[in-house]
């Protein structure tokens, strides 16, 4: 296929990435409503978000490497069928166990946007790769943040189940659009599926750049997941606000996500080491602000912009680095990176729920500060091997 990426195709991938990844985050502003209806504790219902993230990490490991072996059209057919069935199962769940299982498979099937990021890198030339990754990531990040706004509003007005019904219809329509508009890409890898998965271990062992990017990304997303998982509890307990207000904070975070294309362009011109350090410092500052804002809506708003901007800048830079260094295995190195990213998210969800249960917002904020400082420490320790 000619190495050419039109703007219309680029923005289709960006929009699709956002719409699909939103499935992962609809549950977060709705956790309190779910816990009340299913009569379980806040700590127990947080396993819904945990299962979704673990499912996503599992899907990344087993589905995304296929992008180096199987046509993207074939992957889409299987993936969207499973996604739609999982959303239906969640919408009719009447027990916590069924909701957790269906949430796992929602996460598993919603890994598909991570095929679009390597695809954008593959179809772009070297001078515009950062911009292309940035635009796709912008759509993905807006989907992550906007999903909370939508689900918060829908949850308040119609209940949490309606959100899953709506997502089912949306995914069916999106599949039809992608089926007719997305170009078919036939990869070059000819080995077996087993050898394809085995080669992921080879890249992990031999590429310090990939390992360091994976660690930085995992730590950053752990902090972000801890924040969004516990924010709904903070809003309910300290402010008396419902899921709509919690979800509305996603609108503020979108301001940061809109700069993704700018961050992508900076990656084409500026030292990636500097971008990483600035992003990590932004995360530290955001969590310090959160620490002192347990009763300040303005403080939470400022922190949301900084934390989303920091995670986004770090994420785009990490992916640009690993794609540039591994052009023949972009889906596999992206698998390593994104599995680590979402394992970090799952860990952050668990630690965040524990911190809230025992130490409330002070504990959550302290956790976020520690995770953000850890990014700076590991980067300074291992950057010489990775740059």
Protein backbone atom coordinates (compact mmCIF):
# COMPACT_ATOMS: atom_id res chain seq x y z
CA UNK A 1 0.00 0.00 0.00
CA UNK A 2 1.29 3.44 -0.86
CA UNK A 3 2.70 5.24 2.15
CA UNK A 4 0.14 8.03 2.10
CA UNK A 5 -2.21 9.12 4.87
CA UNK A 6 -5.00 11.48 3.85
CA UNK A 7 -6.51 13.84 6.39
CA UNK A 8 -9.96 12.29 5.96
CA UNK A 9 -8.61 8.82 6.79
CA UNK A 10 -6.55 10.19 9.66
CA UNK A 11 -9.56 11.88 11.24
CA UNK A 12 -11.73 8.80 10.68
CA UNK A 13 -9.20 6.74 12.66
CA UNK A 14 -9.02 9.46 15.32
CA UNK A 15 -12.81 9.61 15.71
CA UNK A 16 -13.17 5.82 15.72
CA UNK A 17 -10.44 5.46 18.34
CA UNK A 18 -12.30 7.88 20.59
CA UNK A 19 -15.70 6.23 20.15
CA UNK A 20 -14.42 2.71 20.86
CA UNK A 21 -12.14 3.55 23.78
CA UNK A 22 -15.06 5.38 25.41
CA UNK A 23 -16.51 1.93 26.20
CA UNK A 24 -13.77 1.50 28.80
CA UNK A 25 -14.72 4.57 30.79
CA UNK A 26 -18.50 4.82 30.74
CA UNK A 27 -18.56 2.94 34.04
CA UNK A 28 -16.43 5.33 36.09
CA UNK A 29 -19.00 8.11 36.81
CA UNK A 30 -21.64 5.38 37.20
CA UNK A 31 -19.89 3.30 39.87
CA UNK A 32 -21.83 4.83 42.73
CA UNK A 33 -25.20 4.18 41.01
CA UNK A 34 -24.13 0.63 40.23
CA UNK A 35 -23.11 0.01 43.86
CA UNK A 36 -26.47 1.28 45.12
CA UNK A 37 -28.56 -0.76 42.66
CA UNK A 38 -26.56 -3.96 43.09
CA UNK A 39 -26.21 -3.38 46.85
CA UNK A 40 -22.43 -3.75 47.06
CA UNK A 41 -19.69 -1.61 48.60
CA UNK A 42 -17.73 1.10 46.79
CA UNK A 43 -14.59 -1.05 47.01
CA UNK A 44 -16.44 -4.02 45.50
CA UNK A 45 -17.95 -2.04 42.61
CA UNK A 46 -14.51 -0.65 41.74
CA UNK A 47 -13.79 -4.18 40.44
CA UNK A 48 -15.99 -3.29 37.45
CA UNK A 49 -13.47 -0.63 36.40
CA UNK A 50 -10.61 -2.99 37.28
CA UNK A 51 -12.03 -5.82 35.16
CA UNK A 52 -12.50 -3.47 32.21
CA UNK A 53 -8.87 -2.37 32.35
CA UNK A 54 -7.57 -5.92 32.80
CA UNK A 55 -9.71 -7.00 29.85
CA UNK A 56 -8.25 -4.20 27.78
CA UNK A 57 -4.70 -5.23 28.69
CA UNK A 58 -5.52 -8.84 27.76
CA UNK A 59 -7.03 -7.75 24.45
CA UNK A 60 -3.94 -5.71 23.70
CA UNK A 61 -1.76 -8.76 24.20
CA UNK A 62 -3.82 -11.23 22.15
CA UNK A 63 -5.47 -9.01 19.51
CA UNK A 64 -3.15 -6.12 18.67
CA UNK A 65 -0.10 -8.22 17.63
CA UNK A 66 -2.36 -9.66 14.91
CA UNK A 67 -2.02 -6.27 13.20
CA UNK A 68 1.44 -7.47 12.07
CA UNK A 69 -0.01 -10.72 10.64
CA UNK A 70 -3.76 -10.50 9.80
CA UNK A 71 -5.71 -8.02 7.66
CA UNK A 72 -7.25 -5.21 9.68
CA UNK A 73 -10.64 -5.96 8.08
CA UNK A 74 -10.66 -9.50 9.47
CA UNK A 75 -9.73 -8.31 12.94
CA UNK A 76 -12.54 -5.74 12.92
CA UNK A 77 -15.24 -8.33 12.13
CA UNK A 78 -14.36 -10.57 15.07
CA UNK A 79 -13.68 -7.73 17.46
CA UNK A 80 -16.85 -5.71 16.92
CA UNK A 81 -19.06 -8.82 17.20
CA UNK A 82 -17.57 -9.59 20.63
CA UNK A 83 -17.76 -5.92 21.66
CA UNK A 84 -21.48 -5.61 20.85
CA UNK A 85 -22.36 -8.86 22.66
CA UNK A 86 -20.38 -7.74 25.73
CA UNK A 87 -22.14 -4.36 25.87
CA UNK A 88 -25.52 -6.09 25.69
CA UNK A 89 -24.48 -8.43 28.53
CA UNK A 90 -23.44 -5.49 30.70
CA UNK A 91 -26.70 -3.65 30.07
CA UNK A 92 -28.78 -6.58 31.37
CA UNK A 93 -26.48 -7.59 34.26
CA UNK A 94 -28.35 -8.10 37.52
CA UNK A 95 -25.42 -9.30 39.64
CA UNK A 96 -21.96 -7.89 40.31
CA UNK A 97 -20.31 -11.05 38.99
CA UNK A 98 -22.06 -10.83 35.61
CA UNK A 99 -21.27 -7.12 35.36
CA UNK A 100 -17.60 -7.78 36.11
CA UNK A 101 -17.38 -10.59 33.51
CA UNK A 102 -19.09 -8.56 30.79
CA UNK A 103 -16.91 -5.56 31.66
CA UNK A 104 -13.81 -7.71 31.16
CA UNK A 105 -14.91 -8.57 27.63
CA UNK A 106 -15.89 -4.97 26.91
CA UNK A 107 -12.32 -4.07 27.78
CA UNK A 108 -10.92 -7.02 25.79
CA UNK A 109 -12.75 -6.07 22.59
CA UNK A 110 -12.18 -2.32 22.99
CA UNK A 111 -8.44 -2.75 22.38
CA UNK A 112 -9.05 -2.16 18.67
CA UNK A 113 -8.15 1.58 18.66
CA UNK A 114 -4.56 0.58 19.29
CA UNK A 115 -4.44 -0.78 15.75
CA UNK A 116 -5.08 2.75 14.47
CA UNK A 117 -2.04 4.28 16.18
CA UNK A 118 0.56 1.99 14.51
CA UNK A 119 -1.44 2.27 11.27
CA UNK A 120 -1.11 6.06 11.36
CA UNK A 121 2.62 5.70 12.01
CA UNK A 122 2.98 3.20 9.15
CA UNK A 123 1.18 5.37 6.58
CA UNK A 124 3.01 8.58 7.57
CA UNK A 125 6.43 9.75 6.48
CA UNK A 126 9.14 10.46 9.06
CA UNK A 127 8.52 14.22 9.07
CA UNK A 128 4.81 13.89 9.91
CA UNK A 129 4.71 10.76 12.06
CA UNK A 130 4.49 12.69 15.31
CA UNK A 131 1.59 14.77 13.98
CA UNK A 132 -0.32 11.68 12.81
CA UNK A 133 0.13 9.88 16.14
CA UNK A 134 -0.88 13.06 17.94
CA UNK A 135 -4.13 13.42 15.99
CA UNK A 136 -5.17 9.80 16.52
CA UNK A 137 -4.24 10.09 20.19
CA UNK A 138 -6.22 13.32 20.44
CA UNK A 139 -9.35 11.47 19.32
CA UNK A 140 -8.61 8.63 21.69
CA UNK A 141 -8.06 10.96 24.65
CA UNK A 142 -11.18 12.99 23.88
CA UNK A 143 -13.09 9.69 23.82
CA UNK A 144 -11.67 8.76 27.22
CA UNK A 145 -12.59 12.11 28.74
CA UNK A 146 -15.82 12.74 26.87
CA UNK A 147 -17.14 9.29 27.77
CA UNK A 148 -17.25 10.33 31.42
CA UNK A 149 -19.24 13.45 30.58
CA UNK A 150 -21.79 11.52 28.50
CA UNK A 151 -22.17 8.62 30.92
CA UNK A 152 -22.48 10.99 33.86
CA UNK A 153 -25.33 12.85 32.21
CA UNK A 154 -27.07 9.74 30.89
CA UNK A 155 -26.65 8.01 34.26
CA UNK A 156 -28.26 10.89 36.14
CA UNK A 157 -31.19 11.17 33.74
CA UNK A 158 -31.92 7.60 32.69
CA UNK A 159 -29.83 5.21 34.82
CA UNK A 160 -26.58 3.41 34.11
CA UNK A 161 -28.06 0.62 31.96
CA UNK A 162 -29.24 3.03 29.25
CA UNK A 163 -25.63 4.09 28.69
CA UNK A 164 -24.72 0.54 27.72
CA UNK A 165 -27.73 0.19 25.42
CA UNK A 166 -26.71 3.40 23.63
CA UNK A 167 -23.10 2.22 23.32
CA UNK A 168 -24.30 -1.01 21.69
CA UNK A 169 -26.15 0.88 18.95
CA UNK A 170 -23.21 3.26 18.43
CA UNK A 171 -20.71 0.41 17.99
CA UNK A 172 -22.93 -1.34 15.43
CA UNK A 173 -23.11 1.86 13.36
CA UNK A 174 -19.35 2.47 13.67
CA UNK A 175 -18.54 -1.01 12.43
CA UNK A 176 -20.49 -0.42 9.24
CA UNK A 177 -18.66 2.87 8.59
CA UNK A 178 -15.22 1.34 9.18
CA UNK A 179 -16.06 -1.70 7.07
CA UNK A 180 -16.67 0.49 4.02
CA UNK A 181 -14.24 3.37 4.63
CA UNK A 182 -11.13 1.90 6.22
CA UNK A 183 -8.51 0.72 3.69
CA UNK A 184 -7.46 -2.92 3.83
CA UNK A 185 -3.91 -3.37 5.06
CA UNK A 186 -2.25 -6.75 4.55
CA UNK A 187 0.78 -7.18 6.85
CA UNK A 188 4.00 -8.92 5.88
CA UNK A 189 4.59 -11.24 8.85
CA UNK A 190 4.31 -14.87 7.68
CA UNK A 191 5.03 -16.82 10.85
CA UNK A 192 2.50 -18.59 13.07
CA UNK A 193 0.36 -16.84 15.69
CA UNK A 194 2.41 -18.59 18.38
CA UNK A 195 5.69 -17.31 16.98
CA UNK A 196 4.15 -13.85 16.62
CA UNK A 197 3.31 -13.78 20.34
CA UNK A 198 6.69 -15.27 21.20
CA UNK A 199 8.46 -12.47 19.31
CA UNK A 200 6.86 -9.95 21.68
CA UNK A 201 9.10 -11.37 24.39
CA UNK A 202 12.10 -10.93 22.10
CA UNK A 203 11.40 -7.22 21.64
CA UNK A 204 10.82 -6.79 25.37
CA UNK A 205 14.17 -8.43 26.21
CA UNK A 206 16.26 -6.68 23.56
CA UNK A 207 14.77 -3.16 23.43
CA UNK A 208 15.55 -1.00 26.51
CA UNK A 209 13.70 1.86 24.79
CA UNK A 210 10.47 -0.15 24.81
CA UNK A 211 10.92 -1.29 28.42
CA UNK A 212 11.52 2.23 29.72
CA UNK A 213 8.60 3.68 27.73
CA UNK A 214 6.35 0.92 29.09
CA UNK A 215 7.38 1.66 32.68
CA UNK A 216 6.90 5.42 32.30
CA UNK A 217 3.50 4.93 30.68
CA UNK A 218 2.31 2.41 33.26
CA UNK A 219 3.21 4.67 36.19
CA UNK A 220 1.52 7.69 34.58
CA UNK A 221 -1.69 5.83 33.82
CA UNK A 222 -1.74 4.29 37.31
CA UNK A 223 -2.02 7.80 38.73
CA UNK A 224 -4.66 8.88 36.22
CA UNK A 225 -6.78 5.79 36.89
CA UNK A 226 -6.55 6.28 40.65
CA UNK A 227 -7.83 9.83 40.17
CA UNK A 228 -10.80 9.05 37.91
CA UNK A 229 -11.85 5.97 39.88
CA UNK A 230 -12.03 7.85 43.19
CA UNK A 231 -13.21 11.25 41.94
CA UNK A 232 -16.83 10.08 41.90
CA UNK A 233 -16.55 9.17 45.59
CA UNK A 234 -14.95 12.53 46.43
CA UNK A 235 -17.74 14.40 44.65
CA UNK A 236 -20.44 12.40 46.45
CA UNK A 237 -18.91 12.56 49.94
CA UNK A 238 -17.27 16.02 50.09
CA UNK A 239 -19.47 17.99 47.71
CA UNK A 240 -22.74 16.08 47.46
CA UNK A 241 -22.61 15.99 43.66
CA UNK A 242 -23.82 13.14 41.46
CA UNK A 243 -22.37 11.35 38.44
CA UNK A 244 -23.22 14.21 36.03
CA UNK A 245 -20.88 16.64 37.81
CA UNK A 246 -18.16 14.00 38.08
CA UNK A 247 -18.43 13.28 34.37
CA UNK A 248 -18.37 16.99 33.56
CA UNK A 249 -14.76 17.14 34.75
CA UNK A 250 -14.01 15.24 31.55
CA UNK A 251 -14.91 18.40 29.63
CA UNK A 252 -12.10 20.21 31.43
CA UNK A 253 -9.68 17.42 30.64
CA UNK A 254 -10.61 17.66 26.95
CA UNK A 255 -8.86 21.04 26.90
CA UNK A 256 -5.63 19.19 27.52
CA UNK A 257 -6.47 16.43 25.03
CA UNK A 258 -7.04 18.98 22.26
CA UNK A 259 -3.34 19.84 22.44
CA UNK A 260 -2.36 16.29 21.43
CA UNK A 261 -1.69 17.33 17.83
CA UNK A 262 0.54 20.12 19.15
CA UNK A 263 2.44 17.65 21.32
CA UNK A 264 2.78 15.39 18.30
CA UNK A 265 4.29 18.21 16.24
CA UNK A 266 6.68 19.04 19.07
CA UNK A 267 7.86 15.43 18.93
CA UNK A 268 8.95 16.07 15.34
CA UNK A 269 11.03 19.12 16.36
CA UNK A 270 11.97 19.05 20.06
CA UNK A 271 14.10 16.79 22.27
CA UNK A 272 11.94 13.90 23.43
CA UNK A 273 13.91 13.76 26.66
CA UNK A 274 12.81 17.31 27.50
CA UNK A 275 9.18 16.58 26.67
CA UNK A 276 9.23 13.57 28.99
CA UNK A 277 10.66 15.60 31.88
CA UNK A 278 8.19 18.46 31.39
CA UNK A 279 5.30 15.98 31.25
CA UNK A 280 6.39 14.21 34.45
CA UNK A 281 6.80 17.52 36.29
CA UNK A 282 3.29 18.49 35.16
CA UNK A 283 1.98 15.30 36.78
CA UNK A 284 3.77 16.00 40.06
CA UNK A 285 2.37 19.54 40.19
CA UNK A 286 -1.15 18.32 39.37
CA UNK A 287 -1.14 15.86 42.26
CA UNK A 288 0.19 18.44 44.70
CA UNK A 289 -2.73 20.66 43.68
CA UNK A 290 -5.14 17.74 44.16
CA UNK A 291 -3.70 17.14 47.64
CA UNK A 292 -4.78 20.61 48.78
CA UNK A 293 -8.11 20.57 46.90
CA UNK A 294 -10.28 18.03 48.71
CA UNK A 295 -12.85 20.83 49.23
CA UNK A 296 -11.95 23.04 46.26
CA UNK A 297 -13.69 22.59 42.90
CA UNK A 298 -11.35 25.16 41.31
CA UNK A 299 -8.30 23.23 42.52
CA UNK A 300 -9.69 19.98 41.09
CA UNK A 301 -10.36 21.72 37.77
CA UNK A 302 -6.79 23.03 37.49
CA UNK A 303 -5.41 19.64 38.47
CA UNK A 304 -7.52 17.85 35.84
CA UNK A 305 -6.07 19.98 33.04
CA UNK A 306 -2.49 19.41 34.24
CA UNK A 307 -2.82 15.68 34.89
CA UNK A 308 -4.43 14.98 31.49
CA UNK A 309 -1.92 17.18 29.69
CA UNK A 310 1.00 15.45 31.42
CA UNK A 311 -0.23 11.92 30.71
CA UNK A 312 -1.03 12.80 27.11
CA UNK A 313 2.38 14.38 26.40
CA UNK A 314 4.19 11.43 27.98
CA UNK A 315 2.04 8.89 26.14
CA UNK A 316 2.46 10.40 22.66
CA UNK A 317 6.21 10.81 23.16
CA UNK A 318 6.60 7.22 24.38
CA UNK A 319 4.78 5.86 21.32
CA UNK A 320 6.66 8.07 18.87
CA UNK A 321 9.96 6.79 20.29
CA UNK A 322 9.10 3.09 20.09
CA UNK A 323 7.48 3.31 16.62
CA UNK A 324 10.45 5.17 15.15
CA UNK A 325 12.92 2.58 16.43
CA UNK A 326 10.90 -0.52 15.43
CA UNK A 327 9.25 0.12 12.03
CA UNK A 328 8.75 -3.59 11.17
CA UNK A 329 7.10 -4.53 14.46
CA UNK A 330 5.02 -1.51 15.41
CA UNK A 331 1.98 -3.50 16.54
CA UNK A 332 4.08 -5.81 18.69
CA UNK A 333 6.05 -3.08 20.45
CA UNK A 334 2.79 -1.17 20.85
CA UNK A 335 1.40 -4.31 22.50
CA UNK A 336 4.25 -4.32 25.03
CA UNK A 337 3.78 -0.64 25.72
CA UNK A 338 -0.01 -0.63 25.95
CA UNK A 339 -0.27 -3.81 28.03
CA UNK A 340 2.09 -2.20 30.54
CA UNK A 341 0.12 1.04 30.28
CA UNK A 342 -3.16 -0.60 31.21
CA UNK A 343 -1.70 -2.96 33.79
CA UNK A 344 -0.54 0.28 35.39
CA UNK A 345 -4.11 1.57 35.05
CA UNK A 346 -5.51 -1.55 36.72
CA UNK A 347 -2.96 -1.23 39.53
CA UNK A 348 -3.86 2.43 39.95
CA UNK A 349 -7.56 1.58 40.15
CA UNK A 350 -6.91 -0.99 42.88
CA UNK A 351 -4.50 1.19 44.86
CA UNK A 352 -6.75 4.23 44.44
CA UNK A 353 -9.77 2.34 45.80
CA UNK A 354 -7.70 1.09 48.74
CA UNK A 355 -6.31 4.56 49.44
CA UNK A 356 -9.80 6.05 49.39
CA UNK A 357 -11.24 3.32 51.60
CA UNK A 358 -8.59 3.84 54.29
CA UNK A 359 -7.21 7.38 53.89
CA UNK A 360 -9.78 9.19 51.69
CA UNK A 361 -8.54 11.96 49.36
CA UNK A 362 -5.29 12.53 51.25
CA UNK A 363 -4.32 8.93 50.57
CA UNK A 364 -5.27 9.11 46.89
CA UNK A 365 -3.29 12.33 46.37
CA UNK A 366 -0.23 10.98 48.17
CA UNK A 367 -0.38 7.90 45.95
CA UNK A 368 -0.51 10.11 42.84
CA UNK A 369 2.47 12.17 43.97
CA UNK A 370 4.52 9.03 44.64
CA UNK A 371 3.69 7.52 41.24
CA UNK A 372 4.56 10.76 39.40
CA UNK A 373 7.90 11.16 41.18
CA UNK A 374 8.65 7.52 40.31
CA UNK A 375 8.39 8.41 36.59
CA UNK A 376 11.14 11.00 36.97
CA UNK A 377 13.32 8.62 38.99
CA UNK A 378 13.14 5.68 36.56
CA UNK A 379 13.60 7.96 33.56
CA UNK A 380 16.76 9.53 34.98
CA UNK A 381 18.09 6.11 36.02
CA UNK A 382 17.66 4.35 32.66
CA UNK A 383 17.48 7.04 29.95
CA UNK A 384 21.12 6.61 28.84
CA UNK A 385 20.37 3.06 27.66
CA UNK A 386 17.18 4.14 25.90
CA UNK A 387 18.22 7.29 24.02
